[in-house]
């Protein structure tokens, strides 16, 4: 069953939300942040945020679909950091970074807002330390549905952006789980720092990883 890569648009909200929740629903930290929200409620709340991402010139999302079934099996969402030029090349939209980054203004309703804010602050501190003020691409999320592992969907997404980053001469950054770390290493990411995320009942380890452009 062949796979096809596409850039997500405003009408892809339902596919984005369903795929996002399918990928991360059972991930430990995600489950803690989203607490007791059902699968359907998480999809509903995630879809509400999609217009903010879809219309933002500093956000870029791609989907991988099965061309026979039409199902979205994998997704990646990137933030375009510190570069009006990159934003225009990817989205075809003008952006004035002096007015601030354009992005979704809120978290989903019903989540653990304190834990979400604490985790975001921790990863931002590490990201700022290793990426600085220059242009770069931040991989905010990437995931593949469990029934579609080992089909190469994640590799399709990473290769496209890697080729773009190499052409533009910009680095990339991702915060990875232990499971995702070997995939990112295969595509040129190198671990720069380890982040321990603690929460009630446990903790999880994430890896701050940087990919420098290949000449």
C-alpha atoms as a PDB file:
ATOM      1  CA  UNK A   1       0.000   0.000   0.000  1.00  0.00           C
ATOM      2  CA  UNK A   2       1.783   3.158  -1.198  1.00  0.00           C
ATOM      3  CA  UNK A   3       2.092   6.293   0.910  1.00  0.00           C
ATOM      4  CA  UNK A   4       1.809   9.901  -0.209  1.00  0.00           C
ATOM      5  CA  UNK A   5       3.080  13.094   1.433  1.00  0.00           C
ATOM      6  CA  UNK A   6       0.954  16.247   1.495  1.00  0.00           C
ATOM      7  CA  UNK A   7       0.990  19.649   3.152  1.00  0.00           C
ATOM      8  CA  UNK A   8      -1.913  20.035   5.578  1.00  0.00           C
ATOM      9  CA  UNK A   9      -4.460  22.775   4.978  1.00  0.00           C
ATOM     10  CA  UNK A  10      -7.399  24.196   6.879  1.00  0.00           C
ATOM     11  CA  UNK A  11      -9.737  21.409   5.766  1.00  0.00           C
ATOM     12  CA  UNK A  12      -7.424  18.762   7.253  1.00  0.00           C
ATOM     13  CA  UNK A  13      -8.435  19.551  10.847  1.00  0.00           C
ATOM     14  CA  UNK A  14     -10.355  16.298  11.432  1.00  0.00           C
ATOM     15  CA  UNK A  15      -7.542  14.147   9.995  1.00  0.00           C
ATOM     16  CA  UNK A  16      -4.897  16.059  11.970  1.00  0.00           C
ATOM     17  CA  UNK A  17      -6.804  15.765  15.254  1.00  0.00           C
ATOM     18  CA  UNK A  18      -7.681  12.079  14.892  1.00  0.00           C
ATOM     19  CA  UNK A  19      -4.136  11.144  13.884  1.00  0.00           C
ATOM     20  CA  UNK A  20      -2.542  13.234  16.640  1.00  0.00           C
ATOM     21  CA  UNK A  21      -4.661  11.676  19.377  1.00  0.00           C
ATOM     22  CA  UNK A  22      -4.263   8.153  17.934  1.00  0.00           C
ATOM     23  CA  UNK A  23      -0.485   8.534  18.016  1.00  0.00           C
ATOM     24  CA  UNK A  24      -0.088  10.039  21.490  1.00  0.00           C
ATOM     25  CA  UNK A  25      -3.133   8.810  23.426  1.00  0.00           C
ATOM     26  CA  UNK A  26      -1.266   6.091  25.355  1.00  0.00           C
ATOM     27  CA  UNK A  27       2.026   7.981  25.764  1.00  0.00           C
ATOM     28  CA  UNK A  28       2.653   8.349  29.497  1.00  0.00           C
ATOM     29  CA  UNK A  29       3.268  12.085  29.737  1.00  0.00           C
ATOM     30  CA  UNK A  30       0.463  12.870  27.310  1.00  0.00           C
ATOM     31  CA  UNK A  31      -1.921  10.759  29.390  1.00  0.00           C
ATOM     32  CA  UNK A  32      -0.974  12.678  32.527  1.00  0.00           C
ATOM     33  CA  UNK A  33      -1.453  16.061  30.874  1.00  0.00           C
ATOM     34  CA  UNK A  34      -4.776  15.096  29.326  1.00  0.00           C
ATOM     35  CA  UNK A  35      -5.897  13.367  32.544  1.00  0.00           C
ATOM     36  CA  UNK A  36      -9.354  11.823  32.217  1.00  0.00           C
ATOM     37  CA  UNK A  37     -10.316  13.194  28.805  1.00  0.00           C
ATOM     38  CA  UNK A  38     -11.752  10.479  26.567  1.00  0.00           C
ATOM     39  CA  UNK A  39     -10.329   9.756  23.119  1.00  0.00           C
ATOM     40  CA  UNK A  40     -13.238  11.498  21.409  1.00  0.00           C
ATOM     41  CA  UNK A  41     -12.979  14.540  23.694  1.00  0.00           C
ATOM     42  CA  UNK A  42      -9.266  14.857  22.988  1.00  0.00           C
ATOM     43  CA  UNK A  43      -9.962  14.748  19.250  1.00  0.00           C
ATOM     44  CA  UNK A  44     -12.648  17.418  19.664  1.00  0.00           C
ATOM     45  CA  UNK A  45     -10.384  19.741  21.652  1.00  0.00           C
ATOM     46  CA  UNK A  46      -7.402  19.202  19.331  1.00  0.00           C
ATOM     47  CA  UNK A  47      -9.483  19.996  16.268  1.00  0.00           C
ATOM     48  CA  UNK A  48     -10.494  23.320  17.847  1.00  0.00           C
ATOM     49  CA  UNK A  49      -6.821  24.344  17.877  1.00  0.00           C
ATOM     50  CA  UNK A  50      -6.169  23.399  14.254  1.00  0.00           C
ATOM     51  CA  UNK A  51      -7.283  26.672  12.593  1.00  0.00           C
ATOM     52  CA  UNK A  52      -4.671  28.523  14.656  1.00  0.00           C
ATOM     53  CA  UNK A  53      -1.897  26.250  13.422  1.00  0.00           C
ATOM     54  CA  UNK A  54      -3.202  26.049   9.841  1.00  0.00           C
ATOM     55  CA  UNK A  55      -3.339  29.821   9.458  1.00  0.00           C
ATOM     56  CA  UNK A  56      -0.046  30.579  11.180  1.00  0.00           C
ATOM     57  CA  UNK A  57       2.814  31.529   8.821  1.00  0.00           C
ATOM     58  CA  UNK A  58       5.295  30.163  11.379  1.00  0.00           C
ATOM     59  CA  UNK A  59       3.702  26.702  11.564  1.00  0.00           C
ATOM     60  CA  UNK A  60       4.048  24.002   8.889  1.00  0.00           C
ATOM     61  CA  UNK A  61       2.302  20.615   9.018  1.00  0.00           C
ATOM     62  CA  UNK A  62       2.613  17.631   6.720  1.00  0.00           C
ATOM     63  CA  UNK A  63       0.564  14.444   6.568  1.00  0.00           C
ATOM     64  CA  UNK A  64       1.328  11.012   5.152  1.00  0.00           C
ATOM     65  CA  UNK A  65      -1.685   9.175   3.770  1.00  0.00           C
ATOM     66  CA  UNK A  66      -2.298   5.662   2.531  1.00  0.00           C
ATOM     67  CA  UNK A  67      -3.246   6.196  -1.105  1.00  0.00           C
ATOM     68  CA  UNK A  68      -5.465   3.104  -1.222  1.00  0.00           C
ATOM     69  CA  UNK A  69      -7.538   3.711   1.912  1.00  0.00           C
ATOM     70  CA  UNK A  70      -7.194   7.492   2.188  1.00  0.00           C
ATOM     71  CA  UNK A  71      -6.316   7.137   5.868  1.00  0.00           C
ATOM     72  CA  UNK A  72      -3.857   9.593   7.396  1.00  0.00           C
ATOM     73  CA  UNK A  73      -1.219   7.384   9.022  1.00  0.00           C
ATOM     74  CA  UNK A  74       1.466   9.850  10.108  1.00  0.00           C
ATOM     75  CA  UNK A  75       1.999  13.563  10.713  1.00  0.00           C
ATOM     76  CA  UNK A  76       4.661  16.127  11.517  1.00  0.00           C
ATOM     77  CA  UNK A  77       4.242  19.714  12.665  1.00  0.00           C
ATOM     78  CA  UNK A  78       7.166  22.135  12.486  1.00  0.00           C
ATOM     79  CA  UNK A  79       7.642  25.612  13.935  1.00  0.00           C
ATOM     80  CA  UNK A  80       9.623  28.040  11.791  1.00  0.00           C
ATOM     81  CA  UNK A  81      11.850  29.914  14.230  1.00  0.00           C
ATOM     82  CA  UNK A  82      13.469  33.332  13.811  1.00  0.00           C
ATOM     83  CA  UNK A  83      13.130  33.557  10.043  1.00  0.00           C
ATOM     84  CA  UNK A  84      10.612  35.507   7.977  1.00  0.00           C
ATOM     85  CA  UNK A  85      12.283  34.166   4.826  1.00  0.00           C
ATOM     86  CA  UNK A  86      11.774  30.487   5.753  1.00  0.00           C
ATOM     87  CA  UNK A  87       8.170  31.173   6.727  1.00  0.00           C
ATOM     88  CA  UNK A  88       7.446  32.656   3.313  1.00  0.00           C
ATOM     89  CA  UNK A  89       9.198  29.830   1.456  1.00  0.00           C
ATOM     90  CA  UNK A  90       7.217  27.135   3.264  1.00  0.00           C
ATOM     91  CA  UNK A  91       3.822  28.789   3.593  1.00  0.00           C
ATOM     92  CA  UNK A  92       3.875  31.527   0.978  1.00  0.00           C
ATOM     93  CA  UNK A  93       2.780  34.038   3.626  1.00  0.00           C
ATOM     94  CA  UNK A  94       4.386  37.231   4.827  1.00  0.00           C
ATOM     95  CA  UNK A  95       5.166  37.401   8.532  1.00  0.00           C
ATOM     96  CA  UNK A  96       6.582  40.173  10.687  1.00  0.00           C
ATOM     97  CA  UNK A  97       8.464  38.474  13.513  1.00  0.00           C
ATOM     98  CA  UNK A  98       8.818  41.783  15.334  1.00  0.00           C
ATOM     99  CA  UNK A  99       5.162  41.376  16.322  1.00  0.00           C
ATOM    100  CA  UNK A 100       5.783  37.951  17.826  1.00  0.00           C
ATOM    101  CA  UNK A 101       5.297  34.381  16.689  1.00  0.00           C
ATOM    102  CA  UNK A 102       1.870  33.628  15.266  1.00  0.00           C
ATOM    103  CA  UNK A 103       0.497  30.436  16.784  1.00  0.00           C
ATOM    104  CA  UNK A 104      -2.430  28.903  18.580  1.00  0.00           C
ATOM    105  CA  UNK A 105      -3.067  30.978  21.669  1.00  0.00           C
ATOM    106  CA  UNK A 106      -4.267  28.344  24.110  1.00  0.00           C
ATOM    107  CA  UNK A 107      -4.048  24.753  25.305  1.00  0.00           C
ATOM    108  CA  UNK A 108      -6.985  22.346  24.930  1.00  0.00           C
ATOM    109  CA  UNK A 109      -9.662  22.676  27.589  1.00  0.00           C
ATOM    110  CA  UNK A 110      -9.676  20.117  30.387  1.00  0.00           C
ATOM    111  CA  UNK A 111      -5.962  19.320  30.491  1.00  0.00           C
ATOM    112  CA  UNK A 112      -3.529  19.728  33.390  1.00  0.00           C
ATOM    113  CA  UNK A 113      -2.516  23.286  32.531  1.00  0.00           C
ATOM    114  CA  UNK A 114       0.180  23.485  35.232  1.00  0.00           C
ATOM    115  CA  UNK A 115       1.950  20.326  34.087  1.00  0.00           C
ATOM    116  CA  UNK A 116       1.702  21.334  30.419  1.00  0.00           C
ATOM    117  CA  UNK A 117       3.169  24.774  31.147  1.00  0.00           C
ATOM    118  CA  UNK A 118       5.988  23.285  33.235  1.00  0.00           C
ATOM    119  CA  UNK A 119       6.949  20.825  30.502  1.00  0.00           C
ATOM    120  CA  UNK A 120       6.866  23.485  27.786  1.00  0.00           C
ATOM    121  CA  UNK A 121       9.042  25.801  29.879  1.00  0.00           C
ATOM    122  CA  UNK A 122      11.608  23.056  30.468  1.00  0.00           C
ATOM    123  CA  UNK A 123      11.953  22.106  26.810  1.00  0.00           C
ATOM    124  CA  UNK A 124      12.049  25.758  25.725  1.00  0.00           C
ATOM    125  CA  UNK A 125      14.912  26.489  28.114  1.00  0.00           C
ATOM    126  CA  UNK A 126      16.941  23.636  26.652  1.00  0.00           C
ATOM    127  CA  UNK A 127      16.015  24.498  23.076  1.00  0.00           C
ATOM    128  CA  UNK A 128      17.017  28.154  23.517  1.00  0.00           C
ATOM    129  CA  UNK A 129      20.330  27.081  25.042  1.00  0.00           C
ATOM    130  CA  UNK A 130      21.351  25.001  22.027  1.00  0.00           C
ATOM    131  CA  UNK A 131      19.629  26.832  19.162  1.00  0.00           C
ATOM    132  CA  UNK A 132      20.112  30.504  20.056  1.00  0.00           C
ATOM    133  CA  UNK A 133      18.562  33.362  18.086  1.00  0.00           C
ATOM    134  CA  UNK A 134      19.353  32.224  14.545  1.00  0.00           C
ATOM    135  CA  UNK A 135      16.922  30.674  12.070  1.00  0.00           C
ATOM    136  CA  UNK A 136      16.013  27.030  12.643  1.00  0.00           C
ATOM    137  CA  UNK A 137      13.215  24.483  12.279  1.00  0.00           C
ATOM    138  CA  UNK A 138      11.658  23.031  15.433  1.00  0.00           C
ATOM    139  CA  UNK A 139       9.934  19.673  15.061  1.00  0.00           C
ATOM    140  CA  UNK A 140       7.071  20.130  17.528  1.00  0.00           C
ATOM    141  CA  UNK A 141       5.626  16.676  16.969  1.00  0.00           C
ATOM    142  CA  UNK A 142       5.970  13.655  14.742  1.00  0.00           C
ATOM    143  CA  UNK A 143       4.166  10.362  15.047  1.00  0.00           C
ATOM    144  CA  UNK A 144       2.794   7.346  13.210  1.00  0.00           C
ATOM    145  CA  UNK A 145      -0.291   5.323  14.081  1.00  0.00           C
ATOM    146  CA  UNK A 146       0.584   2.004  15.711  1.00  0.00           C
ATOM    147  CA  UNK A 147      -0.921  -0.089  12.923  1.00  0.00           C
ATOM    148  CA  UNK A 148       1.385   1.530  10.384  1.00  0.00           C
ATOM    149  CA  UNK A 149       4.845   1.201  11.944  1.00  0.00           C
ATOM    150  CA  UNK A 150       7.744   0.135   9.719  1.00  0.00           C
ATOM    151  CA  UNK A 151       6.154   1.440   6.534  1.00  0.00           C
ATOM    152  CA  UNK A 152       8.555   4.371   6.312  1.00  0.00           C
ATOM    153  CA  UNK A 153       6.032   7.136   6.975  1.00  0.00           C
ATOM    154  CA  UNK A 154       8.176   8.869   9.589  1.00  0.00           C
ATOM    155  CA  UNK A 155      11.189   8.632   7.317  1.00  0.00           C
ATOM    156  CA  UNK A 156       9.266  10.308   4.489  1.00  0.00           C
ATOM    157  CA  UNK A 157       8.448  13.246   6.747  1.00  0.00           C
ATOM    158  CA  UNK A 158      11.970  13.585   8.131  1.00  0.00           C
ATOM    159  CA  UNK A 159      13.655  13.258   4.739  1.00  0.00           C
ATOM    160  CA  UNK A 160      11.515  16.012   3.199  1.00  0.00           C
ATOM    161  CA  UNK A 161      12.312  18.482   5.935  1.00  0.00           C
ATOM    162  CA  UNK A 162      15.953  17.379   6.106  1.00  0.00           C
ATOM    163  CA  UNK A 163      16.354  18.067   2.399  1.00  0.00           C
ATOM    164  CA  UNK A 164      14.716  21.476   2.815  1.00  0.00           C
ATOM    165  CA  UNK A 165      16.904  22.358   5.808  1.00  0.00           C
ATOM    166  CA  UNK A 166      20.041  21.310   3.934  1.00  0.00           C
ATOM    167  CA  UNK A 167      19.078  23.422   0.931  1.00  0.00           C
ATOM    168  CA  UNK A 168      18.419  26.454   3.153  1.00  0.00           C
ATOM    169  CA  UNK A 169      21.429  25.837   5.402  1.00  0.00           C
ATOM    170  CA  UNK A 170      19.461  25.824   8.666  1.00  0.00           C
ATOM    171  CA  UNK A 171      19.586  23.466  11.660  1.00  0.00           C
ATOM    172  CA  UNK A 172      16.652  21.520  13.105  1.00  0.00           C
ATOM    173  CA  UNK A 173      15.670  20.679  16.675  1.00  0.00           C
ATOM    174  CA  UNK A 174      13.448  18.034  18.268  1.00  0.00           C
ATOM    175  CA  UNK A 175      12.603  16.794  21.754  1.00  0.00           C
ATOM    176  CA  UNK A 176      12.496  13.013  21.416  1.00  0.00           C
ATOM    177  CA  UNK A 177      11.327  10.108  23.524  1.00  0.00           C
ATOM    178  CA  UNK A 178      13.568   7.082  23.998  1.00  0.00           C
ATOM    179  CA  UNK A 179      11.579   5.173  21.367  1.00  0.00           C
ATOM    180  CA  UNK A 180      11.952   7.895  18.758  1.00  0.00           C
ATOM    181  CA  UNK A 181      15.640   8.617  19.396  1.00  0.00           C
ATOM    182  CA  UNK A 182      17.108   5.996  16.983  1.00  0.00           C
ATOM    183  CA  UNK A 183      14.854   7.242  14.170  1.00  0.00           C
ATOM    184  CA  UNK A 184      16.073  10.809  14.582  1.00  0.00           C
ATOM    185  CA  UNK A 185      19.690   9.665  14.830  1.00  0.00           C
ATOM    186  CA  UNK A 186      19.266   7.879  11.501  1.00  0.00           C
ATOM    187  CA  UNK A 187      18.277  11.214   9.976  1.00  0.00           C
ATOM    188  CA  UNK A 188      21.224  13.172  11.355  1.00  0.00           C
ATOM    189  CA  UNK A 189      20.024  14.371  14.772  1.00  0.00           C
ATOM    190  CA  UNK A 190      22.535  14.349  17.636  1.00  0.00           C
ATOM    191  CA  UNK A 191      21.598  14.353  21.323  1.00  0.00           C
ATOM    192  CA  UNK A 192      22.593  17.594  23.055  1.00  0.00           C
ATOM    193  CA  UNK A 193      20.820  17.259  26.391  1.00  0.00           C
ATOM    194  CA  UNK A 194      18.621  14.953  28.475  1.00  0.00           C
ATOM    195  CA  UNK A 195      15.427  16.218  30.074  1.00  0.00           C
ATOM    196  CA  UNK A 196      13.823  14.405  33.011  1.00  0.00           C
ATOM    197  CA  UNK A 197      10.090  15.176  33.188  1.00  0.00           C
ATOM    198  CA  UNK A 198       8.601  14.337  36.584  1.00  0.00           C
ATOM    199  CA  UNK A 199       4.905  14.158  37.378  1.00  0.00           C
ATOM    200  CA  UNK A 200       2.640  12.558  39.953  1.00  0.00           C
ATOM    201  CA  UNK A 201       3.212   8.820  39.798  1.00  0.00           C
ATOM    202  CA  UNK A 202       6.296   8.765  37.635  1.00  0.00           C
ATOM    203  CA  UNK A 203       8.751  10.443  35.322  1.00  0.00           C
ATOM    204  CA  UNK A 204       9.824  10.261  31.711  1.00  0.00           C
ATOM    205  CA  UNK A 205      13.005  11.043  29.814  1.00  0.00           C
ATOM    206  CA  UNK A 206      13.187  13.182  26.688  1.00  0.00           C
ATOM    207  CA  UNK A 207      16.230  14.008  24.587  1.00  0.00           C
ATOM    208  CA  UNK A 208      17.001  17.423  23.135  1.00  0.00           C
ATOM    209  CA  UNK A 209      18.425  16.679  19.673  1.00  0.00           C
ATOM    210  CA  UNK A 210      19.940  18.952  17.027  1.00  0.00           C
ATOM    211  CA  UNK A 211      20.481  18.329  13.329  1.00  0.00           C
ATOM    212  CA  UNK A 212      22.953  20.596  11.533  1.00  0.00           C
ATOM    213  CA  UNK A 213      22.600  21.087   7.766  1.00  0.00           C
ATOM    214  CA  UNK A 214      24.560  18.780   5.540  1.00  0.00           C
ATOM    215  CA  UNK A 215      26.611  20.435   2.819  1.00  0.00           C
END
